[in-house]
Amino acid sequence: RDSVTVMGTATSGCVRATVTDAFSHNYRVTIVEDGVFERSQASHAVSLCDMNAKYADVVPSGEVIDYLTRLPKGLFDQPKGAP
């Protein structure tokens, strides 16, 4: 695996910590723009802008869903192992 898609609450806290940790471990990071929340709209907007500039791509959920539905079937199947 090489990427992480992030959704959650506290954009400036928990979401940002997850994004920076994933980025620091060399994952490609996508933040689902309408899948994150912060009580303060100003803090939310500034956090998304900053993370988009440094650590992640901020993308609307529709684009994320479109991308995921186009992935080949079985791409993430685990090996079956020996019988």
PDB file of N, CA and C in Angstrom:
ATOM      1  N   ARG A   1       0.842  -1.164   0.000  1.00  0.00           N
ATOM      2  CA  ARG A   1       0.000   0.000   0.000  1.00  0.00           C
ATOM      3  C   ARG A   1       0.894   1.236   0.000  1.00  0.00           C
ATOM      4  N   ASP A   2       0.419   2.257  -0.694  1.00  0.00           N
ATOM      5  CA  ASP A   2       1.240   3.462  -0.805  1.00  0.00           C
ATOM      6  C   ASP A   2       0.471   4.749  -0.548  1.00  0.00           C
ATOM      7  N   SER A   3      -0.810   4.625  -0.179  1.00  0.00           N
ATOM      8  CA  SER A   3      -1.601   5.844  -0.007  1.00  0.00           C
ATOM      9  C   SER A   3      -2.599   5.696   1.137  1.00  0.00           C
ATOM     10  N   VAL A   4      -3.038   6.867   1.617  1.00  0.00           N
ATOM     11  CA  VAL A   4      -4.003   6.925   2.714  1.00  0.00           C
ATOM     12  C   VAL A   4      -5.064   7.960   2.337  1.00  0.00           C
ATOM     13  N   THR A   5      -6.326   7.605   2.546  1.00  0.00           N
ATOM     14  CA  THR A   5      -7.431   8.539   2.366  1.00  0.00           C
ATOM     15  C   THR A   5      -7.977   8.869   3.747  1.00  0.00           C
ATOM     16  N   VAL A   6      -8.070  10.161   4.056  1.00  0.00           N
ATOM     17  CA  VAL A   6      -8.391  10.592   5.421  1.00  0.00           C
ATOM     18  C   VAL A   6      -9.748  11.296   5.468  1.00  0.00           C
ATOM     19  N   MET A   7     -10.554  10.888   6.459  1.00  0.00           N
ATOM     20  CA  MET A   7     -11.815  11.551   6.796  1.00  0.00           C
ATOM     21  C   MET A   7     -11.902  11.579   8.313  1.00  0.00           C
ATOM     22  N   GLY A   8     -12.623  12.538   8.873  1.00  0.00           N
ATOM     23  CA  GLY A   8     -12.791  12.564  10.320  1.00  0.00           C
ATOM     24  C   GLY A   8     -13.074  13.950  10.849  1.00  0.00           C
ATOM     25  N   THR A   9     -13.098  14.050  12.167  1.00  0.00           N
ATOM     26  CA  THR A   9     -13.407  15.332  12.798  1.00  0.00           C
ATOM     27  C   THR A   9     -12.155  15.955  13.402  1.00  0.00           C
ATOM     28  N   ALA A  10     -12.287  17.206  13.714  1.00  0.00           N
ATOM     29  CA  ALA A  10     -11.202  18.047  14.242  1.00  0.00           C
ATOM     30  C   ALA A  10     -10.112  18.206  13.184  1.00  0.00           C
ATOM     31  N   THR A  11     -10.462  18.887  12.081  1.00  0.00           N
ATOM     32  CA  THR A  11      -9.556  19.093  10.960  1.00  0.00           C
ATOM     33  C   THR A  11      -8.205  19.626  11.414  1.00  0.00           C
ATOM     34  N   SER A  12      -8.207  20.558  12.348  1.00  0.00           N
ATOM     35  CA  SER A  12      -6.950  21.177  12.784  1.00  0.00           C
ATOM     36  C   SER A  12      -6.199  20.337  13.811  1.00  0.00           C
ATOM     37  N   GLY A  13      -6.822  19.272  14.308  1.00  0.00           N
ATOM     38  CA  GLY A  13      -6.184  18.442  15.334  1.00  0.00           C
ATOM     39  C   GLY A  13      -5.953  17.025  14.849  1.00  0.00           C
ATOM     40  N   CYS A  14      -6.943  16.162  15.046  1.00  0.00           N
ATOM     41  CA  CYS A  14      -6.810  14.733  14.724  1.00  0.00           C
ATOM     42  C   CYS A  14      -6.551  14.490  13.247  1.00  0.00           C
ATOM     43  N   VAL A  15      -7.293  15.179  12.387  1.00  0.00           N
ATOM     44  CA  VAL A  15      -7.105  14.986  10.947  1.00  0.00           C
ATOM     45  C   VAL A  15      -5.696  15.431  10.553  1.00  0.00           C
ATOM     46  N   ARG A  16      -5.292  16.607  11.012  1.00  0.00           N
ATOM     47  CA  ARG A  16      -3.956  17.112  10.674  1.00  0.00           C
ATOM     48  C   ARG A  16      -2.866  16.174  11.181  1.00  0.00           C
ATOM     49  N   ALA A  17      -3.004  15.647  12.392  1.00  0.00           N
ATOM     50  CA  ALA A  17      -2.004  14.728  12.952  1.00  0.00           C
ATOM     51  C   ALA A  17      -1.909  13.467  12.100  1.00  0.00           C
ATOM     52  N   THR A  18      -3.049  12.928  11.689  1.00  0.00           N
ATOM     53  CA  THR A  18      -3.054  11.737  10.845  1.00  0.00           C
ATOM     54  C   THR A  18      -2.391  12.015   9.503  1.00  0.00           C
ATOM     55  N   VAL A  19      -2.712  13.152   8.916  1.00  0.00           N
ATOM     56  CA  VAL A  19      -2.147  13.526   7.616  1.00  0.00           C
ATOM     57  C   VAL A  19      -0.631  13.698   7.703  1.00  0.00           C
ATOM     58  N   THR A  20      -0.160  14.427   8.706  1.00  0.00           N
ATOM     59  CA  THR A  20       1.287  14.652   8.802  1.00  0.00           C
ATOM     60  C   THR A  20       2.032  13.361   9.137  1.00  0.00           C
ATOM     61  N   ASP A  21       1.444  12.499   9.963  1.00  0.00           N
ATOM     62  CA  ASP A  21       2.075  11.201  10.250  1.00  0.00           C
ATOM     63  C   ASP A  21       2.170  10.357   8.984  1.00  0.00           C
ATOM     64  N   ALA A  22       1.079  10.273   8.239  1.00  0.00           N
ATOM     65  CA  ALA A  22       1.087   9.478   7.004  1.00  0.00           C
ATOM     66  C   ALA A  22       2.099  10.043   6.012  1.00  0.00           C
ATOM     67  N   PHE A  23       2.117  11.351   5.859  1.00  0.00           N
ATOM     68  CA  PHE A  23       3.069  11.998   4.953  1.00  0.00           C
ATOM     69  C   PHE A  23       4.513  11.714   5.394  1.00  0.00           C
ATOM     70  N   SER A  24       4.764  11.770   6.688  1.00  0.00           N
ATOM     71  CA  SER A  24       6.102  11.512   7.231  1.00  0.00           C
ATOM     72  C   SER A  24       6.561  10.083   7.003  1.00  0.00           C
ATOM     73  N   HIS A  25       5.599   9.161   6.825  1.00  0.00           N
ATOM     74  CA  HIS A  25       5.927   7.767   6.539  1.00  0.00           C
ATOM     75  C   HIS A  25       5.865   7.474   5.030  1.00  0.00           C
ATOM     76  N   ASN A  26       5.931   8.532   4.232  1.00  0.00           N
ATOM     77  CA  ASN A  26       6.000   8.446   2.767  1.00  0.00           C
ATOM     78  C   ASN A  26       4.746   7.894   2.089  1.00  0.00           C
ATOM     79  N   TYR A  27       3.596   8.060   2.722  1.00  0.00           N
ATOM     80  CA  TYR A  27       2.346   7.714   2.060  1.00  0.00           C
ATOM     81  C   TYR A  27       1.872   8.900   1.232  1.00  0.00           C
ATOM     82  N   ARG A  28       1.216   8.623   0.139  1.00  0.00           N
ATOM     83  CA  ARG A  28       0.509   9.663  -0.605  1.00  0.00           C
ATOM     84  C   ARG A  28      -0.817   9.862   0.115  1.00  0.00           C
ATOM     85  N   VAL A  29      -1.161  11.098   0.446  1.00  0.00           N
ATOM     86  CA  VAL A  29      -2.308  11.368   1.310  1.00  0.00           C
ATOM     87  C   VAL A  29      -3.376  12.150   0.550  1.00  0.00           C
ATOM     88  N   THR A  30      -4.613  11.674   0.679  1.00  0.00           N
ATOM     89  CA  THR A  30      -5.773  12.380   0.147  1.00  0.00           C
ATOM     90  C   THR A  30      -6.706  12.679   1.311  1.00  0.00           C
ATOM     91  N   ILE A  31      -7.156  13.922   1.389  1.00  0.00           N
ATOM     92  CA  ILE A  31      -8.156  14.326   2.374  1.00  0.00           C
ATOM     93  C   ILE A  31      -9.476  14.486   1.631  1.00  0.00           C
ATOM     94  N   VAL A  32     -10.520  13.813   2.113  1.00  0.00           N
ATOM     95  CA  VAL A  32     -11.848  13.961   1.527  1.00  0.00           C
ATOM     96  C   VAL A  32     -12.423  15.275   2.059  1.00  0.00           C
ATOM     97  N   GLU A  33     -12.481  16.263   1.190  1.00  0.00           N
ATOM     98  CA  GLU A  33     -12.825  17.632   1.596  1.00  0.00           C
ATOM     99  C   GLU A  33     -14.133  17.717   2.377  1.00  0.00           C
ATOM    100  N   ASP A  34     -15.176  17.059   1.907  1.00  0.00           N
ATOM    101  CA  ASP A  34     -16.459  17.117   2.587  1.00  0.00           C
ATOM    102  C   ASP A  34     -16.631  15.954   3.563  1.00  0.00           C
ATOM    103  N   GLY A  35     -15.530  15.304   3.907  1.00  0.00           N
ATOM    104  CA  GLY A  35     -15.551  14.218   4.882  1.00  0.00           C
ATOM    105  C   GLY A  35     -14.787  14.558   6.143  1.00  0.00           C
ATOM    106  N   VAL A  36     -14.426  15.842   6.291  1.00  0.00           N
ATOM    107  CA  VAL A  36     -13.738  16.307   7.502  1.00  0.00           C
ATOM    108  C   VAL A  36     -14.503  17.477   8.091  1.00  0.00           C
ATOM    109  N   PHE A  37     -14.315  17.723   9.384  1.00  0.00           N
ATOM    110  CA  PHE A  37     -15.122  18.717  10.090  1.00  0.00           C
ATOM    111  C   PHE A  37     -14.299  19.385  11.189  1.00  0.00           C
ATOM    112  N   GLU A  38     -14.611  20.628  11.425  1.00  0.00           N
ATOM    113  CA  GLU A  38     -14.021  21.397  12.533  1.00  0.00           C
ATOM    114  C   GLU A  38     -15.107  22.330  13.059  1.00  0.00           C
ATOM    115  N   ARG A  39     -15.145  22.559  14.351  1.00  0.00           N
ATOM    116  CA  ARG A  39     -16.171  23.449  14.920  1.00  0.00           C
ATOM    117  C   ARG A  39     -16.041  24.866  14.403  1.00  0.00           C
ATOM    118  N   SER A  40     -14.822  25.335  14.194  1.00  0.00           N
ATOM    119  CA  SER A  40     -14.587  26.681  13.675  1.00  0.00           C
ATOM    120  C   SER A  40     -14.361  26.618  12.165  1.00  0.00           C
ATOM    121  N   GLN A  41     -15.215  27.298  11.412  1.00  0.00           N
ATOM    122  CA  GLN A  41     -15.076  27.282   9.958  1.00  0.00           C
ATOM    123  C   GLN A  41     -13.754  27.904   9.515  1.00  0.00           C
ATOM    124  N   ALA A  42     -13.298  28.938  10.215  1.00  0.00           N
ATOM    125  CA  ALA A  42     -12.034  29.582   9.852  1.00  0.00           C
ATOM    126  C   ALA A  42     -10.870  28.620  10.054  1.00  0.00           C
ATOM    127  N   SER A  43     -10.816  27.959  11.186  1.00  0.00           N
ATOM    128  CA  SER A  43      -9.760  26.994  11.469  1.00  0.00           C
ATOM    129  C   SER A  43      -9.791  25.844  10.469  1.00  0.00           C
ATOM    130  N   HIS A  44     -10.998  25.388  10.133  1.00  0.00           N
ATOM    131  CA  HIS A  44     -11.186  24.315   9.161  1.00  0.00           C
ATOM    132  C   HIS A  44     -10.593  24.713   7.803  1.00  0.00           C
ATOM    133  N   ALA A  45     -10.958  25.905   7.331  1.00  0.00           N
ATOM    134  CA  ALA A  45     -10.502  26.376   6.024  1.00  0.00           C
ATOM    135  C   ALA A  45      -8.992  26.569   5.986  1.00  0.00           C
ATOM    136  N   VAL A  46      -8.447  27.185   7.020  1.00  0.00           N
ATOM    137  CA  VAL A  46      -6.995  27.410   7.072  1.00  0.00           C
ATOM    138  C   VAL A  46      -6.247  26.084   7.130  1.00  0.00           C
ATOM    139  N   SER A  47      -6.735  25.140   7.913  1.00  0.00           N
ATOM    140  CA  SER A  47      -6.081  23.835   8.027  1.00  0.00           C
ATOM    141  C   SER A  47      -6.081  23.091   6.697  1.00  0.00           C
ATOM    142  N   LEU A  48      -7.232  23.073   6.015  1.00  0.00           N
ATOM    143  CA  LEU A  48      -7.299  22.403   4.715  1.00  0.00           C
ATOM    144  C   LEU A  48      -6.369  23.057   3.698  1.00  0.00           C
ATOM    145  N   CYS A  49      -6.359  24.376   3.675  1.00  0.00           N
ATOM    146  CA  CYS A  49      -5.488  25.101   2.753  1.00  0.00           C
ATOM    147  C   CYS A  49      -4.021  24.765   3.017  1.00  0.00           C
ATOM    148  N   ASP A  50      -3.627  24.773   4.274  1.00  0.00           N
ATOM    149  CA  ASP A  50      -2.239  24.497   4.649  1.00  0.00           C
ATOM    150  C   ASP A  50      -1.845  23.058   4.322  1.00  0.00           C
ATOM    151  N   MET A  51      -2.713  22.100   4.667  1.00  0.00           N
ATOM    152  CA  MET A  51      -2.386  20.698   4.391  1.00  0.00           C
ATOM    153  C   MET A  51      -2.346  20.430   2.891  1.00  0.00           C
ATOM    154  N   ASN A  52      -3.230  21.079   2.131  1.00  0.00           N
ATOM    155  CA  ASN A  52      -3.223  20.927   0.680  1.00  0.00           C
ATOM    156  C   ASN A  52      -1.916  21.452   0.081  1.00  0.00           C
ATOM    157  N   ALA A  53      -1.387  22.504   0.655  1.00  0.00           N
ATOM    158  CA  ALA A  53      -0.148  23.097   0.151  1.00  0.00           C
ATOM    159  C   ALA A  53       1.093  22.276   0.509  1.00  0.00           C
ATOM    160  N   LYS A  54       1.032  21.502   1.600  1.00  0.00           N
ATOM    161  CA  LYS A  54       2.239  20.834   2.103  1.00  0.00           C
ATOM    162  C   LYS A  54       2.203  19.319   2.099  1.00  0.00           C
ATOM    163  N   TYR A  55       1.090  18.714   2.494  1.00  0.00           N
ATOM    164  CA  TYR A  55       1.091  17.296   2.834  1.00  0.00           C
ATOM    165  C   TYR A  55       0.133  16.405   2.050  1.00  0.00           C
ATOM    166  N   ALA A  56      -0.910  16.963   1.463  1.00  0.00           N
ATOM    167  CA  ALA A  56      -1.976  16.112   0.930  1.00  0.00           C
ATOM    168  C   ALA A  56      -2.685  16.784  -0.236  1.00  0.00           C
ATOM    169  N   ASP A  57      -3.465  15.975  -0.943  1.00  0.00           N
ATOM    170  CA  ASP A  57      -4.389  16.506  -1.927  1.00  0.00           C
ATOM    171  C   ASP A  57      -5.766  16.552  -1.269  1.00  0.00           C
ATOM    172  N   VAL A  58      -6.405  17.708  -1.312  1.00  0.00           N
ATOM    173  CA  VAL A  58      -7.747  17.863  -0.759  1.00  0.00           C
ATOM    174  C   VAL A  58      -8.724  17.728  -1.926  1.00  0.00           C
ATOM    175  N   VAL A  59      -9.583  16.692  -1.863  1.00  0.00           N
ATOM    176  CA  VAL A  59     -10.411  16.312  -3.000  1.00  0.00           C
ATOM    177  C   VAL A  59     -11.861  16.108  -2.537  1.00  0.00           C
ATOM    178  N   PRO A  60     -12.846  16.551  -3.323  1.00  0.00           N
ATOM    179  CA  PRO A  60     -14.245  16.298  -2.968  1.00  0.00           C
ATOM    180  C   PRO A  60     -14.564  14.800  -2.991  1.00  0.00           C
ATOM    181  N   SER A  61     -15.523  14.381  -2.187  1.00  0.00           N
ATOM    182  CA  SER A  61     -15.859  12.962  -2.068  1.00  0.00           C
ATOM    183  C   SER A  61     -16.267  12.345  -3.402  1.00  0.00           C
ATOM    184  N   GLY A  62     -16.931  13.093  -4.254  1.00  0.00           N
ATOM    185  CA  GLY A  62     -17.333  12.568  -5.558  1.00  0.00           C
ATOM    186  C   GLY A  62     -16.149  12.099  -6.384  1.00  0.00           C
ATOM    187  N   GLU A  63     -15.061  12.851  -6.358  1.00  0.00           N
ATOM    188  CA  GLU A  63     -13.853  12.459  -7.098  1.00  0.00           C
ATOM    189  C   GLU A  63     -13.210  11.219  -6.492  1.00  0.00           C
ATOM    190  N   VAL A  64     -13.216  11.136  -5.167  1.00  0.00           N
ATOM    191  CA  VAL A  64     -12.648   9.967  -4.485  1.00  0.00           C
ATOM    192  C   VAL A  64     -13.460   8.723  -4.840  1.00  0.00           C
ATOM    193  N   ILE A  65     -14.776   8.833  -4.789  1.00  0.00           N
ATOM    194  CA  ILE A  65     -15.644   7.706  -5.114  1.00  0.00           C
ATOM    195  C   ILE A  65     -15.450   7.284  -6.569  1.00  0.00           C
ATOM    196  N   ASP A  66     -15.389   8.242  -7.483  1.00  0.00           N
ATOM    197  CA  ASP A  66     -15.162   7.921  -8.899  1.00  0.00           C
ATOM    198  C   ASP A  66     -13.848   7.169  -9.083  1.00  0.00           C
ATOM    199  N   TYR A  67     -12.797   7.643  -8.431  1.00  0.00           N
ATOM    200  CA  TYR A  67     -11.491   6.990  -8.543  1.00  0.00           C
ATOM    201  C   TYR A  67     -11.554   5.555  -8.013  1.00  0.00           C
ATOM    202  N   LEU A  68     -12.131   5.389  -6.829  1.00  0.00           N
ATOM    203  CA  LEU A  68     -12.186   4.060  -6.217  1.00  0.00           C
ATOM    204  C   LEU A  68     -13.022   3.075  -7.038  1.00  0.00           C
ATOM    205  N   THR A  69     -14.100   3.536  -7.641  1.00  0.00           N
ATOM    206  CA  THR A  69     -14.938   2.635  -8.432  1.00  0.00           C
ATOM    207  C   THR A  69     -14.275   2.234  -9.741  1.00  0.00           C
ATOM    208  N   ARG A  70     -13.278   2.984 -10.203  1.00  0.00           N
ATOM    209  CA  ARG A  70     -12.562   2.636 -11.433  1.00  0.00           C
ATOM    210  C   ARG A  70     -11.389   1.686 -11.205  1.00  0.00           C
ATOM    211  N   LEU A  71     -11.040   1.421  -9.951  1.00  0.00           N
ATOM    212  CA  LEU A  71      -9.930   0.501  -9.676  1.00  0.00           C
ATOM    213  C   LEU A  71     -10.310  -0.912 -10.117  1.00  0.00           C
ATOM    214  N   PRO A  72      -9.336  -1.676 -10.620  1.00  0.00           N
ATOM    215  CA  PRO A  72      -9.643  -3.046 -11.061  1.00  0.00           C
ATOM    216  C   PRO A  72     -10.132  -3.916  -9.911  1.00  0.00           C
ATOM    217  N   LYS A  73     -11.074  -4.789 -10.210  1.00  0.00           N
ATOM    218  CA  LYS A  73     -11.584  -5.733  -9.212  1.00  0.00           C
ATOM    219  C   LYS A  73     -10.450  -6.647  -8.756  1.00  0.00           C
ATOM    220  N   GLY A  74     -10.424  -6.965  -7.473  1.00  0.00           N
ATOM    221  CA  GLY A  74      -9.427  -7.882  -6.930  1.00  0.00           C
ATOM    222  C   GLY A  74      -8.077  -7.250  -6.649  1.00  0.00           C
ATOM    223  N   LEU A  75      -7.954  -5.955  -6.851  1.00  0.00           N
ATOM    224  CA  LEU A  75      -6.663  -5.283  -6.677  1.00  0.00           C
ATOM    225  C   LEU A  75      -6.112  -5.436  -5.268  1.00  0.00           C
ATOM    226  N   PHE A  76      -7.001  -5.487  -4.289  1.00  0.00           N
ATOM    227  CA  PHE A  76      -6.550  -5.547  -2.908  1.00  0.00           C
ATOM    228  C   PHE A  76      -6.819  -6.899  -2.241  1.00  0.00           C
ATOM    229  N   ASP A  77      -7.084  -7.922  -3.038  1.00  0.00           N
ATOM    230  CA  ASP A  77      -7.289  -9.257  -2.479  1.00  0.00           C
ATOM    231  C   ASP A  77      -6.014  -9.745  -1.816  1.00  0.00           C
ATOM    232  N   GLN A  78      -6.165 -10.403  -0.694  1.00  0.00           N
ATOM    233  CA  GLN A  78      -5.031 -10.967   0.030  1.00  0.00           C
ATOM    234  C   GLN A  78      -4.672 -12.327  -0.561  1.00  0.00           C
ATOM    235  N   PRO A  79      -3.387 -12.717  -0.487  1.00  0.00           N
ATOM    236  CA  PRO A  79      -3.011 -14.043  -0.984  1.00  0.00           C
ATOM    237  C   PRO A  79      -3.774 -15.123  -0.247  1.00  0.00           C
ATOM    238  N   LYS A  80      -4.130 -16.176  -0.957  1.00  0.00           N
ATOM    239  CA  LYS A  80      -4.911 -17.270  -0.375  1.00  0.00           C
ATOM    240  C   LYS A  80      -4.049 -18.176   0.528  1.00  0.00           C
ATOM    241  N   GLY A  81      -2.768 -18.307   0.243  1.00  0.00           N
ATOM    242  CA  GLY A  81      -1.912 -19.174   1.038  1.00  0.00           C
ATOM    243  C   GLY A  81      -2.026 -20.630   0.586  1.00  0.00           C
ATOM    244  N   ALA A  82      -1.197 -21.455   1.148  1.00  0.00           N
ATOM    245  CA  ALA A  82      -1.188 -22.876   0.787  1.00  0.00           C
ATOM    246  C   ALA A  82      -2.382 -23.586   1.401  1.00  0.00           C
ATOM    247  N   PRO A  83      -2.947 -24.576   0.681  1.00  0.00           N
ATOM    248  CA  PRO A  83      -4.100 -25.314   1.233  1.00  0.00           C
ATOM    249  C   PRO A  83      -3.710 -26.185   2.420  1.00  0.00           C
TER     250      PRO A  83
END
